[in-house]
Each structure stands twice: as C-alpha cells, then as structure tokens.
C-alpha cells in the first residue's frame, strides 16, 4: 500500500482512460501535488464538468461536485465565495477551458480567486 492510497477511492479502479490517454498521468500528478501541499481531505473540494476530465474526481477520496459542461469554474467560484476557507481544485477539459467555458476562464483569471 502506497502512502498516497489514502487520497484514492481504490474501489473505483481500474481507471476508465483509453490506451494512450494522459488522464491517468494527470491524476497521479494531482495526487502527488495534493500530498506535497498537505491539502486536507475535509476542506478540499474537487470540481469538474462532464466529459473525460469530469471522471477524475471519482478516483479521489475528496468531496466533489460535477457541473454542467463549461460551468466548473463558475461553481468553484461560488464555493470559494461561500466559504473562502475551502480549497477548490477544478478539473477541466478542452470544452470547459477553451470552448463553452472559455468566457468563464477569462473571468476567473480576472477575479484572481484562489482556485
């Protein structure tokens, strides 16, 4: 058992990713960063939209919320405004960040909220 297993929902494995997909690598990197930063599982919320990137929080043993496509940043902004003590980690794919959610990305950057 790895020291990082405490962050994972091991019953959800094996992962869904297609052969050659980078989501597994992204997930492993996220878990290592969470451990290095010492983030608390009770005060860190995973926010995602639909799509492949939206499946990543399923594997993490943290509170999480799935939003409509392109709205992950707006929901994460609401979480931070409602309770600034919470940490919000946002998982976004190309649609969330560059297409339907592109305008929200611009405004989230403008607001400079800790996401």
PDB file of N, CA and C in Angstrom:
ATOM      1  N   UNK A   1       0.846  -1.186   0.000  1.00  0.00           N
ATOM      2  CA  UNK A   1       0.000   0.000   0.000  1.00  0.00           C
ATOM      3  C   UNK A   1       0.888   1.246   0.000  1.00  0.00           C
ATOM      4  N   UNK A   2       0.606   2.145  -0.873  1.00  0.00           N
ATOM      5  CA  UNK A   2       1.368   3.384  -1.008  1.00  0.00           C
ATOM      6  C   UNK A   2       0.859   4.422  -0.012  1.00  0.00           C
ATOM      7  N   UNK A   3       1.724   5.336   0.379  1.00  0.00           N
ATOM      8  CA  UNK A   3       1.278   6.409   1.279  1.00  0.00           C
ATOM      9  C   UNK A   3       0.264   7.323   0.587  1.00  0.00           C
ATOM     10  N   UNK A   4       0.198   7.276  -0.730  1.00  0.00           N
ATOM     11  CA  UNK A   4      -0.751   8.105  -1.476  1.00  0.00           C
ATOM     12  C   UNK A   4      -2.127   7.457  -1.601  1.00  0.00           C
ATOM     13  N   UNK A   5      -2.239   6.187  -1.246  1.00  0.00           N
ATOM     14  CA  UNK A   5      -3.524   5.488  -1.355  1.00  0.00           C
ATOM     15  C   UNK A   5      -4.619   6.134  -0.514  1.00  0.00           C
ATOM     16  N   UNK A   6      -4.239   6.827   0.555  1.00  0.00           N
ATOM     17  CA  UNK A   6      -5.249   7.453   1.422  1.00  0.00           C
ATOM     18  C   UNK A   6      -6.049   8.523   0.679  1.00  0.00           C
ATOM     19  N   UNK A   7      -5.538   9.017  -0.426  1.00  0.00           N
ATOM     20  CA  UNK A   7      -6.236  10.036  -1.212  1.00  0.00           C
ATOM     21  C   UNK A   7      -7.151   9.434  -2.282  1.00  0.00           C
ATOM     22  N   UNK A   8      -7.090   8.129  -2.441  1.00  0.00           N
ATOM     23  CA  UNK A   8      -7.782   7.477  -3.557  1.00  0.00           C
ATOM     24  C   UNK A   8      -8.973   6.639  -3.099  1.00  0.00           C
ATOM     25  N   UNK A   9      -9.934   6.510  -3.992  1.00  0.00           N
ATOM     26  CA  UNK A   9     -11.040   5.564  -3.814  1.00  0.00           C
ATOM     27  C   UNK A   9     -10.639   4.309  -4.600  1.00  0.00           C
ATOM     28  N   UNK A  10      -9.929   3.440  -3.950  1.00  0.00           N
ATOM     29  CA  UNK A  10      -9.337   2.279  -4.621  1.00  0.00           C
ATOM     30  C   UNK A  10     -10.386   1.351  -5.221  1.00  0.00           C
ATOM     31  N   UNK A  11     -11.599   1.378  -4.675  1.00  0.00           N
ATOM     32  CA  UNK A  11     -12.660   0.523  -5.213  1.00  0.00           C
ATOM     33  C   UNK A  11     -13.134   0.982  -6.592  1.00  0.00           C
ATOM     34  N   UNK A  12     -12.722   2.173  -7.020  1.00  0.00           N
ATOM     35  CA  UNK A  12     -13.120   2.703  -8.326  1.00  0.00           C
ATOM     36  C   UNK A  12     -12.162   2.304  -9.456  1.00  0.00           C
ATOM     37  N   UNK A  13     -11.059   1.664  -9.103  1.00  0.00           N
ATOM     38  CA  UNK A  13     -10.084   1.257 -10.107  1.00  0.00           C
ATOM     39  C   UNK A  13     -10.412  -0.121 -10.635  1.00  0.00           C
ATOM     40  N   UNK A  14     -10.008  -0.495 -11.846  1.00  0.00           N
ATOM     41  CA  UNK A  14      -9.096   0.205 -12.731  1.00  0.00           C
ATOM     42  C   UNK A  14      -9.752   1.437 -13.352  1.00  0.00           C
ATOM     43  N   UNK A  15      -8.930   2.361 -13.801  1.00  0.00           N
ATOM     44  CA  UNK A  15      -9.429   3.627 -14.340  1.00  0.00           C
ATOM     45  C   UNK A  15     -10.087   3.432 -15.703  1.00  0.00           C
ATOM     46  N   UNK A  16     -10.795   4.458 -16.122  1.00  0.00           N
ATOM     47  CA  UNK A  16     -11.593   4.433 -17.357  1.00  0.00           C
ATOM     48  C   UNK A  16     -10.800   4.812 -18.604  1.00  0.00           C
ATOM     49  N   UNK A  17      -9.640   5.397 -18.424  1.00  0.00           N
ATOM     50  CA  UNK A  17      -8.931   6.051 -19.526  1.00  0.00           C
ATOM     51  C   UNK A  17      -8.592   5.087 -20.663  1.00  0.00           C
ATOM     52  N   UNK A  18      -8.694   5.602 -21.852  1.00  0.00           N
ATOM     53  CA  UNK A  18      -8.333   4.837 -23.045  1.00  0.00           C
ATOM     54  C   UNK A  18      -6.814   4.681 -23.114  1.00  0.00           C
ATOM     55  N   UNK A  19      -6.363   3.696 -23.835  1.00  0.00           N
ATOM     56  CA  UNK A  19      -4.936   3.480 -24.045  1.00  0.00           C
ATOM     57  C   UNK A  19      -4.300   4.734 -24.633  1.00  0.00           C
ATOM     58  N   UNK A  20      -3.216   5.178 -24.040  1.00  0.00           N
ATOM     59  CA  UNK A  20      -2.525   6.355 -24.539  1.00  0.00           C
ATOM     60  C   UNK A  20      -3.052   7.669 -23.997  1.00  0.00           C
ATOM     61  N   UNK A  21      -4.150   7.636 -23.239  1.00  0.00           N
ATOM     62  CA  UNK A  21      -4.735   8.860 -22.681  1.00  0.00           C
ATOM     63  C   UNK A  21      -3.863   9.380 -21.537  1.00  0.00           C
ATOM     64  N   UNK A  22      -3.756  10.674 -21.414  1.00  0.00           N
ATOM     65  CA  UNK A  22      -2.948  11.281 -20.367  1.00  0.00           C
ATOM     66  C   UNK A  22      -3.666  11.505 -19.050  1.00  0.00           C
ATOM     67  N   UNK A  23      -4.951  11.127 -18.965  1.00  0.00           N
ATOM     68  CA  UNK A  23      -5.693  11.395 -17.729  1.00  0.00           C
ATOM     69  C   UNK A  23      -5.134  10.638 -16.523  1.00  0.00           C
ATOM     70  N   UNK A  24      -4.650   9.424 -16.719  1.00  0.00           N
ATOM     71  CA  UNK A  24      -4.050   8.678 -15.615  1.00  0.00           C
ATOM     72  C   UNK A  24      -2.804   9.368 -15.088  1.00  0.00           C
ATOM     73  N   UNK A  25      -2.006   9.903 -15.986  1.00  0.00           N
ATOM     74  CA  UNK A  25      -0.801  10.638 -15.595  1.00  0.00           C
ATOM     75  C   UNK A  25      -1.188  11.920 -14.868  1.00  0.00           C
ATOM     76  N   UNK A  26      -2.216  12.602 -15.363  1.00  0.00           N
ATOM     77  CA  UNK A  26      -2.695  13.821 -14.703  1.00  0.00           C
ATOM     78  C   UNK A  26      -3.197  13.508 -13.298  1.00  0.00           C
ATOM     79  N   UNK A  27      -3.914  12.413 -13.151  1.00  0.00           N
ATOM     80  CA  UNK A  27      -4.431  12.010 -11.845  1.00  0.00           C
ATOM     81  C   UNK A  27      -3.287  11.707 -10.882  1.00  0.00           C
ATOM     82  N   UNK A  28      -2.294  10.957 -11.334  1.00  0.00           N
ATOM     83  CA  UNK A  28      -1.144  10.638 -10.485  1.00  0.00           C
ATOM     84  C   UNK A  28      -0.396  11.905 -10.079  1.00  0.00           C
ATOM     85  N   UNK A  29      -0.234  12.827 -10.998  1.00  0.00           N
ATOM     86  CA  UNK A  29       0.436  14.096 -10.691  1.00  0.00           C
ATOM     87  C   UNK A  29      -0.364  14.901  -9.678  1.00  0.00           C
ATOM     88  N   UNK A  30      -1.688  14.886  -9.829  1.00  0.00           N
ATOM     89  CA  UNK A  30      -2.549  15.610  -8.896  1.00  0.00           C
ATOM     90  C   UNK A  30      -2.419  15.031  -7.488  1.00  0.00           C
ATOM     91  N   UNK A  31      -2.415  13.724  -7.367  1.00  0.00           N
ATOM     92  CA  UNK A  31      -2.301  13.084  -6.051  1.00  0.00           C
ATOM     93  C   UNK A  31      -0.966  13.427  -5.403  1.00  0.00           C
ATOM     94  N   UNK A  32       0.106  13.416  -6.189  1.00  0.00           N
ATOM     95  CA  UNK A  32       1.408  13.780  -5.631  1.00  0.00           C
ATOM     96  C   UNK A  32       1.442  15.233  -5.177  1.00  0.00           C
ATOM     97  N   UNK A  33       0.831  16.123  -5.954  1.00  0.00           N
ATOM     98  CA  UNK A  33       0.784  17.543  -5.581  1.00  0.00           C
ATOM     99  C   UNK A  33      -0.050  17.746  -4.317  1.00  0.00           C
ATOM    100  N   UNK A  34      -1.179  17.063  -4.221  1.00  0.00           N
ATOM    101  CA  UNK A  34      -2.027  17.155  -3.026  1.00  0.00           C
ATOM    102  C   UNK A  34      -1.237  16.737  -1.794  1.00  0.00           C
ATOM    103  N   UNK A  35      -0.491  15.642  -1.911  1.00  0.00           N
ATOM    104  CA  UNK A  35       0.309  15.166  -0.786  1.00  0.00           C
ATOM    105  C   UNK A  35       1.412  16.156  -0.438  1.00  0.00           C
ATOM    106  N   UNK A  36       2.102  16.654  -1.443  1.00  0.00           N
ATOM    107  CA  UNK A  36       3.208  17.591  -1.204  1.00  0.00           C
ATOM    108  C   UNK A  36       2.717  18.885  -0.556  1.00  0.00           C
ATOM    109  N   UNK A  37       1.529  19.340  -0.962  1.00  0.00           N
ATOM    110  CA  UNK A  37       0.965  20.564  -0.386  1.00  0.00           C
ATOM    111  C   UNK A  37       0.296  20.324   0.960  1.00  0.00           C
ATOM    112  N   UNK A  38       0.071  19.065   1.301  1.00  0.00           N
ATOM    113  CA  UNK A  38      -0.568  18.743   2.572  1.00  0.00           C
ATOM    114  C   UNK A  38      -2.025  19.177   2.639  1.00  0.00           C
ATOM    115  N   UNK A  39      -2.737  19.090   1.517  1.00  0.00           N
ATOM    116  CA  UNK A  39      -4.136  19.517   1.498  1.00  0.00           C
ATOM    117  C   UNK A  39      -4.999  18.571   2.323  1.00  0.00           C
ATOM    118  N   UNK A  40      -5.922  19.148   3.065  1.00  0.00           N
ATOM    119  CA  UNK A  40      -6.827  18.397   3.930  1.00  0.00           C
ATOM    120  C   UNK A  40      -7.994  17.856   3.114  1.00  0.00           C
ATOM    121  N   UNK A  41      -8.275  16.576   3.267  1.00  0.00           N
ATOM    122  CA  UNK A  41      -9.368  15.958   2.520  1.00  0.00           C
ATOM    123  C   UNK A  41     -10.738  16.493   2.928  1.00  0.00           C
ATOM    124  N   UNK A  42     -10.845  17.108   4.079  1.00  0.00           N
ATOM    125  CA  UNK A  42     -12.134  17.637   4.533  1.00  0.00           C
ATOM    126  C   UNK A  42     -12.379  19.074   4.095  1.00  0.00           C
ATOM    127  N   UNK A  43     -11.334  19.758   3.667  1.00  0.00           N
ATOM    128  CA  UNK A  43     -11.500  21.164   3.277  1.00  0.00           C
ATOM    129  C   UNK A  43     -11.081  21.425   1.833  1.00  0.00           C
ATOM    130  N   UNK A  44     -10.911  20.369   1.074  1.00  0.00           N
ATOM    131  CA  UNK A  44     -10.565  20.489  -0.339  1.00  0.00           C
ATOM    132  C   UNK A  44     -11.686  19.874  -1.160  1.00  0.00           C
ATOM    133  N   UNK A  45     -12.206  20.637  -2.113  1.00  0.00           N
ATOM    134  CA  UNK A  45     -13.326  20.191  -2.941  1.00  0.00           C
ATOM    135  C   UNK A  45     -12.852  20.055  -4.382  1.00  0.00           C
ATOM    136  N   UNK A  46     -13.198  18.945  -5.003  1.00  0.00           N
ATOM    137  CA  UNK A  46     -12.895  18.714  -6.409  1.00  0.00           C
ATOM    138  C   UNK A  46     -14.107  19.126  -7.238  1.00  0.00           C
ATOM    139  N   UNK A  47     -13.882  19.990  -8.221  1.00  0.00           N
ATOM    140  CA  UNK A  47     -14.968  20.479  -9.076  1.00  0.00           C
ATOM    141  C   UNK A  47     -14.653  20.077 -10.515  1.00  0.00           C
ATOM    142  N   UNK A  48     -15.639  19.551 -11.202  1.00  0.00           N
ATOM    143  CA  UNK A  48     -15.439  19.147 -12.590  1.00  0.00           C
ATOM    144  C   UNK A  48     -16.746  19.274 -13.352  1.00  0.00           C
ATOM    145  N   UNK A  49     -16.637  19.255 -14.653  1.00  0.00           N
ATOM    146  CA  UNK A  49     -17.826  19.235 -15.506  1.00  0.00           C
ATOM    147  C   UNK A  49     -17.946  17.838 -16.110  1.00  0.00           C
ATOM    148  N   UNK A  50     -18.790  17.716 -17.104  1.00  0.00           N
ATOM    149  CA  UNK A  50     -18.959  16.420 -17.752  1.00  0.00           C
ATOM    150  C   UNK A  50     -17.795  16.166 -18.703  1.00  0.00           C
ATOM    151  N   UNK A  51     -17.700  14.986 -19.210  1.00  0.00           N
ATOM    152  CA  UNK A  51     -16.630  14.642 -20.130  1.00  0.00           C
ATOM    153  C   UNK A  51     -15.563  13.823 -19.433  1.00  0.00           C
ATOM    154  N   UNK A  52     -14.520  13.516 -20.148  1.00  0.00           N
ATOM    155  CA  UNK A  52     -13.467  12.656 -19.603  1.00  0.00           C
ATOM    156  C   UNK A  52     -12.796  13.265 -18.374  1.00  0.00           C
ATOM    157  N   UNK A  53     -12.467  14.543 -18.411  1.00  0.00           N
ATOM    158  CA  UNK A  53     -11.836  15.189 -17.257  1.00  0.00           C
ATOM    159  C   UNK A  53     -12.766  15.164 -16.050  1.00  0.00           C
ATOM    160  N   UNK A  54     -14.050  15.137 -16.303  1.00  0.00           N
ATOM    161  CA  UNK A  54     -15.028  15.097 -15.226  1.00  0.00           C
ATOM    162  C   UNK A  54     -15.059  13.786 -14.470  1.00  0.00           C
ATOM    163  N   UNK A  55     -14.404  12.774 -14.990  1.00  0.00           N
ATOM    164  CA  UNK A  55     -14.352  11.483 -14.296  1.00  0.00           C
ATOM    165  C   UNK A  55     -13.209  11.417 -13.284  1.00  0.00           C
ATOM    166  N   UNK A  56     -12.243  12.307 -13.367  1.00  0.00           N
ATOM    167  CA  UNK A  56     -11.078  12.218 -12.486  1.00  0.00           C
ATOM    168  C   UNK A  56     -11.417  12.274 -10.997  1.00  0.00           C
ATOM    169  N   UNK A  57     -12.305  13.156 -10.531  1.00  0.00           N
ATOM    170  CA  UNK A  57     -12.601  13.182  -9.096  1.00  0.00           C
ATOM    171  C   UNK A  57     -13.227  11.896  -8.554  1.00  0.00           C
ATOM    172  N   UNK A  58     -13.770  11.061  -9.427  1.00  0.00           N
ATOM    173  CA  UNK A  58     -14.344   9.780  -8.986  1.00  0.00           C
ATOM    174  C   UNK A  58     -13.282   8.947  -8.264  1.00  0.00           C
ATOM    175  N   UNK A  59     -12.045   9.095  -8.659  1.00  0.00           N
ATOM    176  CA  UNK A  59     -10.962   8.290  -8.104  1.00  0.00           C
ATOM    177  C   UNK A  59     -10.339   8.905  -6.855  1.00  0.00           C
ATOM    178  N   UNK A  60     -10.711  10.121  -6.522  1.00  0.00           N
ATOM    179  CA  UNK A  60     -10.123  10.820  -5.381  1.00  0.00           C
ATOM    180  C   UNK A  60     -11.089  10.823  -4.206  1.00  0.00           C
ATOM    181  N   UNK A  61     -10.582  10.524  -3.021  1.00  0.00           N
ATOM    182  CA  UNK A  61     -11.413  10.454  -1.823  1.00  0.00           C
ATOM    183  C   UNK A  61     -11.535  11.843  -1.187  1.00  0.00           C
ATOM    184  N   UNK A  62     -12.190  12.720  -1.921  1.00  0.00           N
ATOM    185  CA  UNK A  62     -12.430  14.100  -1.509  1.00  0.00           C
ATOM    186  C   UNK A  62     -13.883  14.431  -1.832  1.00  0.00           C
ATOM    187  N   UNK A  63     -14.458  15.422  -1.157  1.00  0.00           N
ATOM    188  CA  UNK A  63     -15.776  15.893  -1.598  1.00  0.00           C
ATOM    189  C   UNK A  63     -15.657  16.407  -3.032  1.00  0.00           C
ATOM    190  N   UNK A  64     -16.662  16.132  -3.842  1.00  0.00           N
ATOM    191  CA  UNK A  64     -16.603  16.593  -5.227  1.00  0.00           C
ATOM    192  C   UNK A  64     -17.991  16.943  -5.733  1.00  0.00           C
ATOM    193  N   UNK A  65     -17.999  17.735  -6.795  1.00  0.00           N
ATOM    194  CA  UNK A  65     -19.250  18.115  -7.435  1.00  0.00           C
ATOM    195  C   UNK A  65     -19.035  18.124  -8.941  1.00  0.00           C
ATOM    196  N   UNK A  66     -20.006  17.612  -9.662  1.00  0.00           N
ATOM    197  CA  UNK A  66     -19.964  17.615 -11.129  1.00  0.00           C
ATOM    198  C   UNK A  66     -20.964  18.657 -11.620  1.00  0.00           C
ATOM    199  N   UNK A  67     -20.528  19.469 -12.550  1.00  0.00           N
ATOM    200  CA  UNK A  67     -21.333  20.596 -13.018  1.00  0.00           C
ATOM    201  C   UNK A  67     -21.726  20.404 -14.482  1.00  0.00           C
ATOM    202  N   UNK A  68     -22.639  21.229 -14.976  1.00  0.00           N
ATOM    203  CA  UNK A  68     -22.914  21.198 -16.419  1.00  0.00           C
ATOM    204  C   UNK A  68     -21.654  21.573 -17.211  1.00  0.00           C
ATOM    205  N   UNK A  69     -21.619  21.177 -18.455  1.00  0.00           N
ATOM    206  CA  UNK A  69     -20.463  21.417 -19.320  1.00  0.00           C
ATOM    207  C   UNK A  69     -20.114  22.905 -19.376  1.00  0.00           C
ATOM    208  N   UNK A  70     -18.851  23.216 -19.114  1.00  0.00           N
ATOM    209  CA  UNK A  70     -18.368  24.584 -19.208  1.00  0.00           C
ATOM    210  C   UNK A  70     -18.589  25.431 -17.969  1.00  0.00           C
ATOM    211  N   UNK A  71     -19.155  24.851 -16.914  1.00  0.00           N
ATOM    212  CA  UNK A  71     -19.504  25.654 -15.738  1.00  0.00           C
ATOM    213  C   UNK A  71     -18.702  25.315 -14.488  1.00  0.00           C
ATOM    214  N   UNK A  72     -17.671  24.515 -14.613  1.00  0.00           N
ATOM    215  CA  UNK A  72     -16.890  24.112 -13.445  1.00  0.00           C
ATOM    216  C   UNK A  72     -16.276  25.314 -12.732  1.00  0.00           C
ATOM    217  N   UNK A  73     -15.757  26.263 -13.478  1.00  0.00           N
ATOM    218  CA  UNK A  73     -15.144  27.441 -12.851  1.00  0.00           C
ATOM    219  C   UNK A  73     -16.168  28.312 -12.137  1.00  0.00           C
ATOM    220  N   UNK A  74     -17.363  28.427 -12.687  1.00  0.00           N
ATOM    221  CA  UNK A  74     -18.376  29.255 -12.020  1.00  0.00           C
ATOM    222  C   UNK A  74     -18.812  28.610 -10.711  1.00  0.00           C
ATOM    223  N   UNK A  75     -18.946  27.301 -10.694  1.00  0.00           N
ATOM    224  CA  UNK A  75     -19.315  26.606  -9.455  1.00  0.00           C
ATOM    225  C   UNK A  75     -18.178  26.702  -8.440  1.00  0.00           C
ATOM    226  N   UNK A  76     -16.943  26.521  -8.878  1.00  0.00           N
ATOM    227  CA  UNK A  76     -15.794  26.645  -7.978  1.00  0.00           C
ATOM    228  C   UNK A  76     -15.698  28.060  -7.409  1.00  0.00           C
ATOM    229  N   UNK A  77     -15.993  29.052  -8.224  1.00  0.00           N
ATOM    230  CA  UNK A  77     -16.010  30.439  -7.745  1.00  0.00           C
ATOM    231  C   UNK A  77     -17.058  30.599  -6.654  1.00  0.00           C
ATOM    232  N   UNK A  78     -18.234  30.039  -6.864  1.00  0.00           N
ATOM    233  CA  UNK A  78     -19.287  30.096  -5.850  1.00  0.00           C
ATOM    234  C   UNK A  78     -18.884  29.413  -4.556  1.00  0.00           C
ATOM    235  N   UNK A  79     -18.198  28.279  -4.662  1.00  0.00           N
ATOM    236  CA  UNK A  79     -17.721  27.573  -3.468  1.00  0.00           C
ATOM    237  C   UNK A  79     -16.763  28.453  -2.682  1.00  0.00           C
ATOM    238  N   UNK A  80     -15.817  29.080  -3.376  1.00  0.00           N
ATOM    239  CA  UNK A  80     -14.836  29.944  -2.701  1.00  0.00           C
ATOM    240  C   UNK A  80     -15.480  31.190  -2.099  1.00  0.00           C
ATOM    241  N   UNK A  81     -16.473  31.751  -2.782  1.00  0.00           N
ATOM    242  CA  UNK A  81     -17.149  32.933  -2.239  1.00  0.00           C
ATOM    243  C   UNK A  81     -18.004  32.573  -1.031  1.00  0.00           C
ATOM    244  N   UNK A  82     -18.619  31.394  -1.054  1.00  0.00           N
ATOM    245  CA  UNK A  82     -19.456  30.961   0.067  1.00  0.00           C
ATOM    246  C   UNK A  82     -18.616  30.574   1.281  1.00  0.00           C
ATOM    247  N   UNK A  83     -17.455  29.981   1.051  1.00  0.00           N
ATOM    248  CA  UNK A  83     -16.584  29.565   2.150  1.00  0.00           C
ATOM    249  C   UNK A  83     -15.126  29.686   1.713  1.00  0.00           C
ATOM    250  N   UNK A  84     -14.529  30.858   1.937  1.00  0.00           N
ATOM    251  CA  UNK A  84     -13.151  31.095   1.485  1.00  0.00           C
ATOM    252  C   UNK A  84     -12.115  30.149   2.095  1.00  0.00           C
ATOM    253  N   UNK A  85     -12.452  29.460   3.189  1.00  0.00           N
ATOM    254  CA  UNK A  85     -11.503  28.538   3.817  1.00  0.00           C
ATOM    255  C   UNK A  85     -11.335  27.242   3.024  1.00  0.00           C
ATOM    256  N   UNK A  86     -12.301  26.941   2.154  1.00  0.00           N
ATOM    257  CA  UNK A  86     -12.206  25.733   1.342  1.00  0.00           C
ATOM    258  C   UNK A  86     -11.209  25.929   0.206  1.00  0.00           C
ATOM    259  N   UNK A  87     -10.537  24.855  -0.147  1.00  0.00           N
ATOM    260  CA  UNK A  87      -9.690  24.838  -1.342  1.00  0.00           C
ATOM    261  C   UNK A  87     -10.513  24.196  -2.446  1.00  0.00           C
ATOM    262  N   UNK A  88     -10.506  24.775  -3.613  1.00  0.00           N
ATOM    263  CA  UNK A  88     -11.231  24.209  -4.753  1.00  0.00           C
ATOM    264  C   UNK A  88     -10.232  23.858  -5.849  1.00  0.00           C
ATOM    265  N   UNK A  89     -10.251  22.607  -6.256  1.00  0.00           N
ATOM    266  CA  UNK A  89      -9.430  22.145  -7.372  1.00  0.00           C
ATOM    267  C   UNK A  89     -10.375  21.862  -8.524  1.00  0.00           C
ATOM    268  N   UNK A  90     -10.099  22.470  -9.673  1.00  0.00           N
ATOM    269  CA  UNK A  90     -11.001  22.372 -10.821  1.00  0.00           C
ATOM    270  C   UNK A  90     -10.351  21.524 -11.915  1.00  0.00           C
ATOM    271  N   UNK A  91     -11.070  20.486 -12.335  1.00  0.00           N
ATOM    272  CA  UNK A  91     -10.645  19.648 -13.458  1.00  0.00           C
ATOM    273  C   UNK A  91     -11.425  20.097 -14.683  1.00  0.00           C
ATOM    274  N   UNK A  92     -10.708  20.459 -15.750  1.00  0.00           N
ATOM    275  CA  UNK A  92     -11.386  20.923 -16.963  1.00  0.00           C
ATOM    276  C   UNK A  92     -10.752  20.284 -18.192  1.00  0.00           C
ATOM    277  N   UNK A  93     -11.599  19.998 -19.145  1.00  0.00           N
ATOM    278  CA  UNK A  93     -11.121  19.529 -20.438  1.00  0.00           C
ATOM    279  C   UNK A  93     -11.085  20.685 -21.417  1.00  0.00           C
ATOM    280  N   UNK A  94     -10.887  20.377 -22.676  1.00  0.00           N
ATOM    281  CA  UNK A  94     -10.788  21.423 -23.689  1.00  0.00           C
ATOM    282  C   UNK A  94     -12.093  22.198 -23.843  1.00  0.00           C
ATOM    283  N   UNK A  95     -13.221  21.532 -23.710  1.00  0.00           N
ATOM    284  CA  UNK A  95     -14.504  22.229 -23.834  1.00  0.00           C
ATOM    285  C   UNK A  95     -14.740  23.194 -22.689  1.00  0.00           C
ATOM    286  N   UNK A  96     -14.410  22.758 -21.477  1.00  0.00           N
ATOM    287  CA  UNK A  96     -14.591  23.623 -20.308  1.00  0.00           C
ATOM    288  C   UNK A  96     -13.671  24.832 -20.345  1.00  0.00           C
ATOM    289  N   UNK A  97     -12.448  24.614 -20.759  1.00  0.00           N
ATOM    290  CA  UNK A  97     -11.459  25.683 -20.700  1.00  0.00           C
ATOM    291  C   UNK A  97     -11.432  26.560 -21.944  1.00  0.00           C
ATOM    292  N   UNK A  98     -11.689  25.971 -23.104  1.00  0.00           N
ATOM    293  CA  UNK A  98     -11.491  26.737 -24.321  1.00  0.00           C
ATOM    294  C   UNK A  98     -12.711  26.969 -25.179  1.00  0.00           C
ATOM    295  N   UNK A  99     -13.743  26.166 -25.008  1.00  0.00           N
ATOM    296  CA  UNK A  99     -14.927  26.311 -25.870  1.00  0.00           C
ATOM    297  C   UNK A  99     -16.075  26.908 -25.062  1.00  0.00           C
ATOM    298  N   UNK A 100     -17.013  26.072 -24.651  1.00  0.00           N
ATOM    299  CA  UNK A 100     -18.213  26.572 -23.985  1.00  0.00           C
ATOM    300  C   UNK A 100     -17.901  27.293 -22.667  1.00  0.00           C
ATOM    301  N   UNK A 101     -16.785  26.952 -22.013  1.00  0.00           N
ATOM    302  CA  UNK A 101     -16.429  27.599 -20.758  1.00  0.00           C
ATOM    303  C   UNK A 101     -15.332  28.632 -20.880  1.00  0.00           C
ATOM    304  N   UNK A 102     -14.925  28.952 -22.095  1.00  0.00           N
ATOM    305  CA  UNK A 102     -13.823  29.896 -22.290  1.00  0.00           C
ATOM    306  C   UNK A 102     -14.059  31.251 -21.659  1.00  0.00           C
ATOM    307  N   UNK A 103     -15.288  31.749 -21.756  1.00  0.00           N
ATOM    308  CA  UNK A 103     -15.585  33.049 -21.148  1.00  0.00           C
ATOM    309  C   UNK A 103     -15.435  32.992 -19.632  1.00  0.00           C
ATOM    310  N   UNK A 104     -15.786  31.859 -19.018  1.00  0.00           N
ATOM    311  CA  UNK A 104     -15.649  31.729 -17.566  1.00  0.00           C
ATOM    312  C   UNK A 104     -14.178  31.670 -17.162  1.00  0.00           C
ATOM    313  N   UNK A 105     -13.350  31.090 -18.013  1.00  0.00           N
ATOM    314  CA  UNK A 105     -11.915  31.043 -17.740  1.00  0.00           C
ATOM    315  C   UNK A 105     -11.337  32.454 -17.700  1.00  0.00           C
ATOM    316  N   UNK A 106     -11.720  33.273 -18.647  1.00  0.00           N
ATOM    317  CA  UNK A 106     -11.245  34.658 -18.690  1.00  0.00           C
ATOM    318  C   UNK A 106     -11.662  35.407 -17.427  1.00  0.00           C
ATOM    319  N   UNK A 107     -12.922  35.266 -17.026  1.00  0.00           N
ATOM    320  CA  UNK A 107     -13.411  35.996 -15.852  1.00  0.00           C
ATOM    321  C   UNK A 107     -12.840  35.442 -14.548  1.00  0.00           C
ATOM    322  N   UNK A 108     -12.611  34.140 -14.482  1.00  0.00           N
ATOM    323  CA  UNK A 108     -11.983  33.571 -13.286  1.00  0.00           C
ATOM    324  C   UNK A 108     -10.561  34.112 -13.134  1.00  0.00           C
ATOM    325  N   UNK A 109      -9.845  34.226 -14.239  1.00  0.00           N
ATOM    326  CA  UNK A 109      -8.497  34.798 -14.193  1.00  0.00           C
ATOM    327  C   UNK A 109      -8.554  36.266 -13.779  1.00  0.00           C
ATOM    328  N   UNK A 110      -9.530  36.983 -14.290  1.00  0.00           N
ATOM    329  CA  UNK A 110      -9.679  38.399 -13.951  1.00  0.00           C
ATOM    330  C   UNK A 110      -9.977  38.584 -12.465  1.00  0.00           C
ATOM    331  N   UNK A 111     -10.806  37.700 -11.908  1.00  0.00           N
ATOM    332  CA  UNK A 111     -11.176  37.798 -10.488  1.00  0.00           C
ATOM    333  C   UNK A 111     -10.032  37.383  -9.569  1.00  0.00           C
ATOM    334  N   UNK A 112      -9.116  36.560 -10.085  1.00  0.00           N
ATOM    335  CA  UNK A 112      -7.951  36.100  -9.324  1.00  0.00           C
ATOM    336  C   UNK A 112      -8.346  35.393  -8.023  1.00  0.00           C
ATOM    337  N   UNK A 113      -9.378  34.564  -8.096  1.00  0.00           N
ATOM    338  CA  UNK A 113      -9.808  33.785  -6.939  1.00  0.00           C
ATOM    339  C   UNK A 113      -8.885  32.582  -6.813  1.00  0.00           C
ATOM    340  N   UNK A 114      -8.583  32.198  -5.587  1.00  0.00           N
ATOM    341  CA  UNK A 114      -7.659  31.096  -5.309  1.00  0.00           C
ATOM    342  C   UNK A 114      -8.296  29.756  -5.662  1.00  0.00           C
ATOM    343  N   UNK A 115      -8.167  29.358  -6.936  1.00  0.00           N
ATOM    344  CA  UNK A 115      -8.699  28.071  -7.409  1.00  0.00           C
ATOM    345  C   UNK A 115      -7.559  27.207  -7.884  1.00  0.00           C
TER     346      UNK A 115
END
